[in-house]
């Protein structure tokens, strides 16, 4: 099993979409579709356009991820 830290990227939220989904521009200028993690929904942590976030990338593709932390 791969280490979790190699799949985490930092980026900025560029667009808010329905159902707690977002477009995030990563440091390497690529854009990914990301959704809020369950803990962030449970604790009602708000994420707005312009926020810096940590994204855990999907192991199935580079176009999707999960927002795990607001920086």
PDB file of N, CA and C in Angstrom:
ATOM      1  N   UNK A   1       0.843  -1.182   0.000  1.00  0.00           N
ATOM      2  CA  UNK A   1       0.000   0.000   0.000  1.00  0.00           C
ATOM      3  C   UNK A   1       0.884   1.240   0.000  1.00  0.00           C
ATOM      4  N   UNK A   2       0.533   2.215  -0.818  1.00  0.00           N
ATOM      5  CA  UNK A   2       1.331   3.432  -0.958  1.00  0.00           C
ATOM      6  C   UNK A   2       1.151   4.332   0.254  1.00  0.00           C
ATOM      7  N   UNK A   3       2.179   5.117   0.531  1.00  0.00           N
ATOM      8  CA  UNK A   3       2.127   6.085   1.616  1.00  0.00           C
ATOM      9  C   UNK A   3       1.160   7.205   1.253  1.00  0.00           C
ATOM     10  N   UNK A   4       0.375   7.651   2.212  1.00  0.00           N
ATOM     11  CA  UNK A   4      -0.653   8.651   1.965  1.00  0.00           C
ATOM     12  C   UNK A   4      -0.067  10.013   1.613  1.00  0.00           C
ATOM     13  N   UNK A   5       1.110  10.349   2.138  1.00  0.00           N
ATOM     14  CA  UNK A   5       1.680  11.678   1.952  1.00  0.00           C
ATOM     15  C   UNK A   5       2.100  11.951   0.513  1.00  0.00           C
ATOM     16  N   UNK A   6       2.328  10.916  -0.302  1.00  0.00           N
ATOM     17  CA  UNK A   6       2.747  11.171  -1.673  1.00  0.00           C
ATOM     18  C   UNK A   6       1.581  11.544  -2.579  1.00  0.00           C
ATOM     19  N   UNK A   7       0.347  11.454  -2.089  1.00  0.00           N
ATOM     20  CA  UNK A   7      -0.824  11.788  -2.889  1.00  0.00           C
ATOM     21  C   UNK A   7      -1.466  13.098  -2.457  1.00  0.00           C
ATOM     22  N   UNK A   8      -0.816  13.867  -1.584  1.00  0.00           N
ATOM     23  CA  UNK A   8      -1.397  15.114  -1.093  1.00  0.00           C
ATOM     24  C   UNK A   8      -0.787  16.294  -1.828  1.00  0.00           C
ATOM     25  N   UNK A   9      -1.657  17.170  -2.323  1.00  0.00           N
ATOM     26  CA  UNK A   9      -1.212  18.363  -3.040  1.00  0.00           C
ATOM     27  C   UNK A   9      -1.853  19.588  -2.396  1.00  0.00           C
ATOM     28  N   UNK A  10      -1.262  20.745  -2.621  1.00  0.00           N
ATOM     29  CA  UNK A  10      -1.793  22.006  -2.117  1.00  0.00           C
ATOM     30  C   UNK A  10      -2.239  22.843  -3.295  1.00  0.00           C
ATOM     31  N   UNK A  11      -3.388  23.510  -3.128  1.00  0.00           N
ATOM     32  CA  UNK A  11      -3.894  24.334  -4.205  1.00  0.00           C
ATOM     33  C   UNK A  11      -4.844  25.400  -3.704  1.00  0.00           C
ATOM     34  N   UNK A  12      -5.420  26.155  -4.652  1.00  0.00           N
ATOM     35  CA  UNK A  12      -6.342  27.230  -4.321  1.00  0.00           C
ATOM     36  C   UNK A  12      -7.686  26.960  -5.000  1.00  0.00           C
ATOM     37  N   UNK A  13      -8.764  27.179  -4.260  1.00  0.00           N
ATOM     38  CA  UNK A  13     -10.111  26.976  -4.785  1.00  0.00           C
ATOM     39  C   UNK A  13     -10.414  28.081  -5.794  1.00  0.00           C
ATOM     40  N   UNK A  14     -10.790  27.694  -7.011  1.00  0.00           N
ATOM     41  CA  UNK A  14     -11.091  28.672  -8.053  1.00  0.00           C
ATOM     42  C   UNK A  14     -12.579  28.783  -8.353  1.00  0.00           C
ATOM     43  N   UNK A  15     -13.355  27.732  -8.025  1.00  0.00           N
ATOM     44  CA  UNK A  15     -14.782  27.751  -8.337  1.00  0.00           C
ATOM     45  C   UNK A  15     -15.523  26.867  -7.351  1.00  0.00           C
ATOM     46  N   UNK A  16     -16.660  27.354  -6.853  1.00  0.00           N
ATOM     47  CA  UNK A  16     -17.528  26.570  -5.976  1.00  0.00           C
ATOM     48  C   UNK A  16     -18.647  25.973  -6.823  1.00  0.00           C
ATOM     49  N   UNK A  17     -18.865  24.676  -6.680  1.00  0.00           N
ATOM     50  CA  UNK A  17     -19.881  23.952  -7.438  1.00  0.00           C
ATOM     51  C   UNK A  17     -20.924  23.394  -6.464  1.00  0.00           C
ATOM     52  N   UNK A  18     -22.063  22.908  -6.958  1.00  0.00           N
ATOM     53  CA  UNK A  18     -23.085  22.348  -6.062  1.00  0.00           C
ATOM     54  C   UNK A  18     -22.597  21.117  -5.297  1.00  0.00           C
ATOM     55  N   UNK A  19     -23.279  20.831  -4.200  1.00  0.00           N
ATOM     56  CA  UNK A  19     -23.037  19.636  -3.384  1.00  0.00           C
ATOM     57  C   UNK A  19     -21.637  19.581  -2.790  1.00  0.00           C
ATOM     58  N   UNK A  20     -21.144  20.709  -2.293  1.00  0.00           N
ATOM     59  CA  UNK A  20     -19.838  20.796  -1.622  1.00  0.00           C
ATOM     60  C   UNK A  20     -18.707  20.300  -2.512  1.00  0.00           C
ATOM     61  N   UNK A  21     -18.783  20.646  -3.790  1.00  0.00           N
ATOM     62  CA  UNK A  21     -17.735  20.310  -4.754  1.00  0.00           C
ATOM     63  C   UNK A  21     -17.055  21.593  -5.208  1.00  0.00           C
ATOM     64  N   UNK A  22     -15.792  21.470  -5.604  1.00  0.00           N
ATOM     65  CA  UNK A  22     -15.000  22.637  -5.949  1.00  0.00           C
ATOM     66  C   UNK A  22     -14.054  22.321  -7.088  1.00  0.00           C
ATOM     67  N   UNK A  23     -13.618  23.366  -7.801  1.00  0.00           N
ATOM     68  CA  UNK A  23     -12.502  23.279  -8.729  1.00  0.00           C
ATOM     69  C   UNK A  23     -11.306  23.858  -7.996  1.00  0.00           C
ATOM     70  N   UNK A  24     -10.196  23.127  -8.011  1.00  0.00           N
ATOM     71  CA  UNK A  24      -8.996  23.539  -7.291  1.00  0.00           C
ATOM     72  C   UNK A  24      -7.830  23.599  -8.271  1.00  0.00           C
ATOM     73  N   UNK A  25      -7.127  24.723  -8.287  1.00  0.00           N
ATOM     74  CA  UNK A  25      -5.911  24.863  -9.101  1.00  0.00           C
ATOM     75  C   UNK A  25      -4.726  24.501  -8.219  1.00  0.00           C
ATOM     76  N   UNK A  26      -4.006  23.478  -8.623  1.00  0.00           N
ATOM     77  CA  UNK A  26      -2.867  22.991  -7.848  1.00  0.00           C
ATOM     78  C   UNK A  26      -1.633  23.822  -8.140  1.00  0.00           C
ATOM     79  N   UNK A  27      -0.574  23.572  -7.401  1.00  0.00           N
ATOM     80  CA  UNK A  27       0.673  24.314  -7.558  1.00  0.00           C
ATOM     81  C   UNK A  27       1.319  24.165  -8.918  1.00  0.00           C
ATOM     82  N   UNK A  28       1.083  23.043  -9.599  1.00  0.00           N
ATOM     83  CA  UNK A  28       1.658  22.842 -10.928  1.00  0.00           C
ATOM     84  C   UNK A  28       0.730  23.341 -12.038  1.00  0.00           C
ATOM     85  N   UNK A  29      -0.224  24.221 -11.685  1.00  0.00           N
ATOM     86  CA  UNK A  29      -1.157  24.869 -12.621  1.00  0.00           C
ATOM     87  C   UNK A  29      -2.173  23.925 -13.250  1.00  0.00           C
ATOM     88  N   UNK A  30      -2.318  22.693 -12.753  1.00  0.00           N
ATOM     89  CA  UNK A  30      -3.384  21.819 -13.235  1.00  0.00           C
ATOM     90  C   UNK A  30      -4.626  22.034 -12.377  1.00  0.00           C
ATOM     91  N   UNK A  31      -5.800  21.789 -12.949  1.00  0.00           N
ATOM     92  CA  UNK A  31      -7.052  21.949 -12.210  1.00  0.00           C
ATOM     93  C   UNK A  31      -7.659  20.584 -11.959  1.00  0.00           C
ATOM     94  N   UNK A  32      -8.194  20.391 -10.754  1.00  0.00           N
ATOM     95  CA  UNK A  32      -8.840  19.134 -10.399  1.00  0.00           C
ATOM     96  C   UNK A  32     -10.228  19.422  -9.833  1.00  0.00           C
ATOM     97  N   UNK A  33     -11.096  18.426  -9.920  1.00  0.00           N
ATOM     98  CA  UNK A  33     -12.414  18.457  -9.312  1.00  0.00           C
ATOM     99  C   UNK A  33     -12.253  17.852  -7.924  1.00  0.00           C
ATOM    100  N   UNK A  34     -12.679  18.584  -6.888  1.00  0.00           N
ATOM    101  CA  UNK A  34     -12.498  18.092  -5.517  1.00  0.00           C
ATOM    102  C   UNK A  34     -13.780  18.259  -4.721  1.00  0.00           C
ATOM    103  N   UNK A  35     -13.992  17.360  -3.772  1.00  0.00           N
ATOM    104  CA  UNK A  35     -15.144  17.440  -2.888  1.00  0.00           C
ATOM    105  C   UNK A  35     -14.662  17.483  -1.450  1.00  0.00           C
ATOM    106  N   UNK A  36     -15.530  17.921  -0.539  1.00  0.00           N
ATOM    107  CA  UNK A  36     -15.164  18.015   0.875  1.00  0.00           C
ATOM    108  C   UNK A  36     -15.121  16.636   1.514  1.00  0.00           C
ATOM    109  N   UNK A  37     -14.167  16.419   2.385  1.00  0.00           N
ATOM    110  CA  UNK A  37     -14.093  15.161   3.113  1.00  0.00           C
ATOM    111  C   UNK A  37     -15.208  15.102   4.156  1.00  0.00           C
ATOM    112  N   UNK A  38     -15.481  13.930   4.631  1.00  0.00           N
ATOM    113  CA  UNK A  38     -16.558  13.725   5.598  1.00  0.00           C
ATOM    114  C   UNK A  38     -16.350  14.477   6.901  1.00  0.00           C
ATOM    115  N   UNK A  39     -15.119  14.529   7.400  1.00  0.00           N
ATOM    116  CA  UNK A  39     -14.833  15.248   8.645  1.00  0.00           C
ATOM    117  C   UNK A  39     -15.089  16.742   8.501  1.00  0.00           C
ATOM    118  N   UNK A  40     -14.754  17.298   7.325  1.00  0.00           N
ATOM    119  CA  UNK A  40     -14.977  18.725   7.116  1.00  0.00           C
ATOM    120  C   UNK A  40     -16.478  19.024   7.036  1.00  0.00           C
ATOM    121  N   UNK A  41     -17.252  18.119   6.441  1.00  0.00           N
ATOM    122  CA  UNK A  41     -18.710  18.294   6.418  1.00  0.00           C
ATOM    123  C   UNK A  41     -19.293  18.153   7.821  1.00  0.00           C
ATOM    124  N   UNK A  42     -18.803  17.160   8.568  1.00  0.00           N
ATOM    125  CA  UNK A  42     -19.330  16.895   9.899  1.00  0.00           C
ATOM    126  C   UNK A  42     -19.088  18.071  10.844  1.00  0.00           C
ATOM    127  N   UNK A  43     -17.925  18.699  10.749  1.00  0.00           N
ATOM    128  CA  UNK A  43     -17.586  19.827  11.619  1.00  0.00           C
ATOM    129  C   UNK A  43     -17.943  21.171  11.006  1.00  0.00           C
ATOM    130  N   UNK A  44     -18.629  21.133   9.857  1.00  0.00           N
ATOM    131  CA  UNK A  44     -19.130  22.330   9.165  1.00  0.00           C
ATOM    132  C   UNK A  44     -18.037  23.366   8.891  1.00  0.00           C
ATOM    133  N   UNK A  45     -16.903  22.896   8.402  1.00  0.00           N
ATOM    134  CA  UNK A  45     -15.811  23.800   8.035  1.00  0.00           C
ATOM    135  C   UNK A  45     -16.114  24.358   6.654  1.00  0.00           C
ATOM    136  N   UNK A  46     -16.189  25.666   6.562  1.00  0.00           N
ATOM    137  CA  UNK A  46     -16.547  26.337   5.311  1.00  0.00           C
ATOM    138  C   UNK A  46     -15.315  26.516   4.435  1.00  0.00           C
ATOM    139  N   UNK A  47     -15.506  26.343   3.140  1.00  0.00           N
ATOM    140  CA  UNK A  47     -14.454  26.574   2.155  1.00  0.00           C
ATOM    141  C   UNK A  47     -15.016  27.542   1.125  1.00  0.00           C
ATOM    142  N   UNK A  48     -14.264  28.595   0.840  1.00  0.00           N
ATOM    143  CA  UNK A  48     -14.692  29.629  -0.088  1.00  0.00           C
ATOM    144  C   UNK A  48     -13.721  29.733  -1.254  1.00  0.00           C
ATOM    145  N   UNK A  49     -14.168  30.386  -2.325  1.00  0.00           N
ATOM    146  CA  UNK A  49     -13.294  30.640  -3.468  1.00  0.00           C
ATOM    147  C   UNK A  49     -12.130  31.513  -2.996  1.00  0.00           C
ATOM    148  N   UNK A  50     -10.920  31.123  -3.351  1.00  0.00           N
ATOM    149  CA  UNK A  50      -9.731  31.843  -2.939  1.00  0.00           C
ATOM    150  C   UNK A  50      -9.005  31.218  -1.761  1.00  0.00           C
ATOM    151  N   UNK A  51      -9.634  30.253  -1.085  1.00  0.00           N
ATOM    152  CA  UNK A  51      -8.988  29.582   0.051  1.00  0.00           C
ATOM    153  C   UNK A  51      -7.905  28.624  -0.440  1.00  0.00           C
ATOM    154  N   UNK A  52      -6.832  28.531   0.321  1.00  0.00           N
ATOM    155  CA  UNK A  52      -5.799  27.520   0.070  1.00  0.00           C
ATOM    156  C   UNK A  52      -6.182  26.254   0.812  1.00  0.00           C
ATOM    157  N   UNK A  53      -6.091  25.116   0.135  1.00  0.00           N
ATOM    158  CA  UNK A  53      -6.531  23.839   0.702  1.00  0.00           C
ATOM    159  C   UNK A  53      -5.518  22.746   0.400  1.00  0.00           C
ATOM    160  N   UNK A  54      -5.577  21.679   1.194  1.00  0.00           N
ATOM    161  CA  UNK A  54      -4.816  20.467   0.905  1.00  0.00           C
ATOM    162  C   UNK A  54      -5.774  19.466   0.284  1.00  0.00           C
ATOM    163  N   UNK A  55      -5.340  18.858  -0.809  1.00  0.00           N
ATOM    164  CA  UNK A  55      -6.174  17.918  -1.545  1.00  0.00           C
ATOM    165  C   UNK A  55      -5.492  16.556  -1.561  1.00  0.00           C
ATOM    166  N   UNK A  56      -6.238  15.532  -1.175  1.00  0.00           N
ATOM    167  CA  UNK A  56      -5.747  14.161  -1.293  1.00  0.00           C
ATOM    168  C   UNK A  56      -6.190  13.646  -2.656  1.00  0.00           C
ATOM    169  N   UNK A  57      -5.238  13.353  -3.510  1.00  0.00           N
ATOM    170  CA  UNK A  57      -5.540  12.963  -4.880  1.00  0.00           C
ATOM    171  C   UNK A  57      -6.061  11.528  -4.933  1.00  0.00           C
ATOM    172  N   UNK A  58      -6.965  11.292  -5.872  1.00  0.00           N
ATOM    173  CA  UNK A  58      -7.530   9.966  -6.069  1.00  0.00           C
ATOM    174  C   UNK A  58      -6.462   9.034  -6.633  1.00  0.00           C
ATOM    175  N   UNK A  59      -6.486   7.803  -6.203  1.00  0.00           N
ATOM    176  CA  UNK A  59      -5.511   6.840  -6.727  1.00  0.00           C
ATOM    177  C   UNK A  59      -5.936   6.301  -8.094  1.00  0.00           C
ATOM    178  N   UNK A  60      -7.142   6.649  -8.538  1.00  0.00           N
ATOM    179  CA  UNK A  60      -7.641   6.154  -9.812  1.00  0.00           C
ATOM    180  C   UNK A  60      -7.446   7.144 -10.957  1.00  0.00           C
ATOM    181  N   UNK A  61      -7.105   8.380 -10.660  1.00  0.00           N
ATOM    182  CA  UNK A  61      -6.908   9.352 -11.720  1.00  0.00           C
ATOM    183  C   UNK A  61      -6.442  10.675 -11.156  1.00  0.00           C
ATOM    184  N   UNK A  62      -5.849  11.491 -12.001  1.00  0.00           N
ATOM    185  CA  UNK A  62      -5.311  12.767 -11.548  1.00  0.00           C
ATOM    186  C   UNK A  62      -6.313  13.903 -11.643  1.00  0.00           C
ATOM    187  N   UNK A  63      -7.541  13.639 -12.086  1.00  0.00           N
ATOM    188  CA  UNK A  63      -8.518  14.706 -12.296  1.00  0.00           C
ATOM    189  C   UNK A  63      -9.438  14.909 -11.096  1.00  0.00           C
ATOM    190  N   UNK A  64      -9.374  14.033 -10.093  1.00  0.00           N
ATOM    191  CA  UNK A  64     -10.278  14.120  -8.951  1.00  0.00           C
ATOM    192  C   UNK A  64      -9.500  14.068  -7.641  1.00  0.00           C
ATOM    193  N   UNK A  65     -10.115  14.652  -6.598  1.00  0.00           N
ATOM    194  CA  UNK A  65      -9.486  14.622  -5.295  1.00  0.00           C
ATOM    195  C   UNK A  65     -10.483  14.949  -4.200  1.00  0.00           C
ATOM    196  N   UNK A  66     -10.000  14.905  -2.949  1.00  0.00           N
ATOM    197  CA  UNK A  66     -10.829  15.184  -1.776  1.00  0.00           C
ATOM    198  C   UNK A  66     -10.125  16.237  -0.939  1.00  0.00           C
ATOM    199  N   UNK A  67     -10.853  17.299  -0.601  1.00  0.00           N
ATOM    200  CA  UNK A  67     -10.289  18.353   0.221  1.00  0.00           C
ATOM    201  C   UNK A  67     -10.264  17.865   1.662  1.00  0.00           C
ATOM    202  N   UNK A  68      -9.063  17.803   2.242  1.00  0.00           N
ATOM    203  CA  UNK A  68      -8.930  17.274   3.593  1.00  0.00           C
ATOM    204  C   UNK A  68      -8.583  18.342   4.624  1.00  0.00           C
ATOM    205  N   UNK A  69      -8.132  19.529   4.160  1.00  0.00           N
ATOM    206  CA  UNK A  69      -7.733  20.556   5.112  1.00  0.00           C
ATOM    207  C   UNK A  69      -7.790  21.919   4.467  1.00  0.00           C
ATOM    208  N   UNK A  70      -8.276  22.899   5.228  1.00  0.00           N
ATOM    209  CA  UNK A  70      -8.264  24.294   4.780  1.00  0.00           C
ATOM    210  C   UNK A  70      -7.073  24.972   5.451  1.00  0.00           C
ATOM    211  N   UNK A  71      -6.235  25.619   4.642  1.00  0.00           N
ATOM    212  CA  UNK A  71      -5.025  26.230   5.179  1.00  0.00           C
ATOM    213  C   UNK A  71      -5.231  27.700   5.470  1.00  0.00           C
TER     214      UNK A  71
END
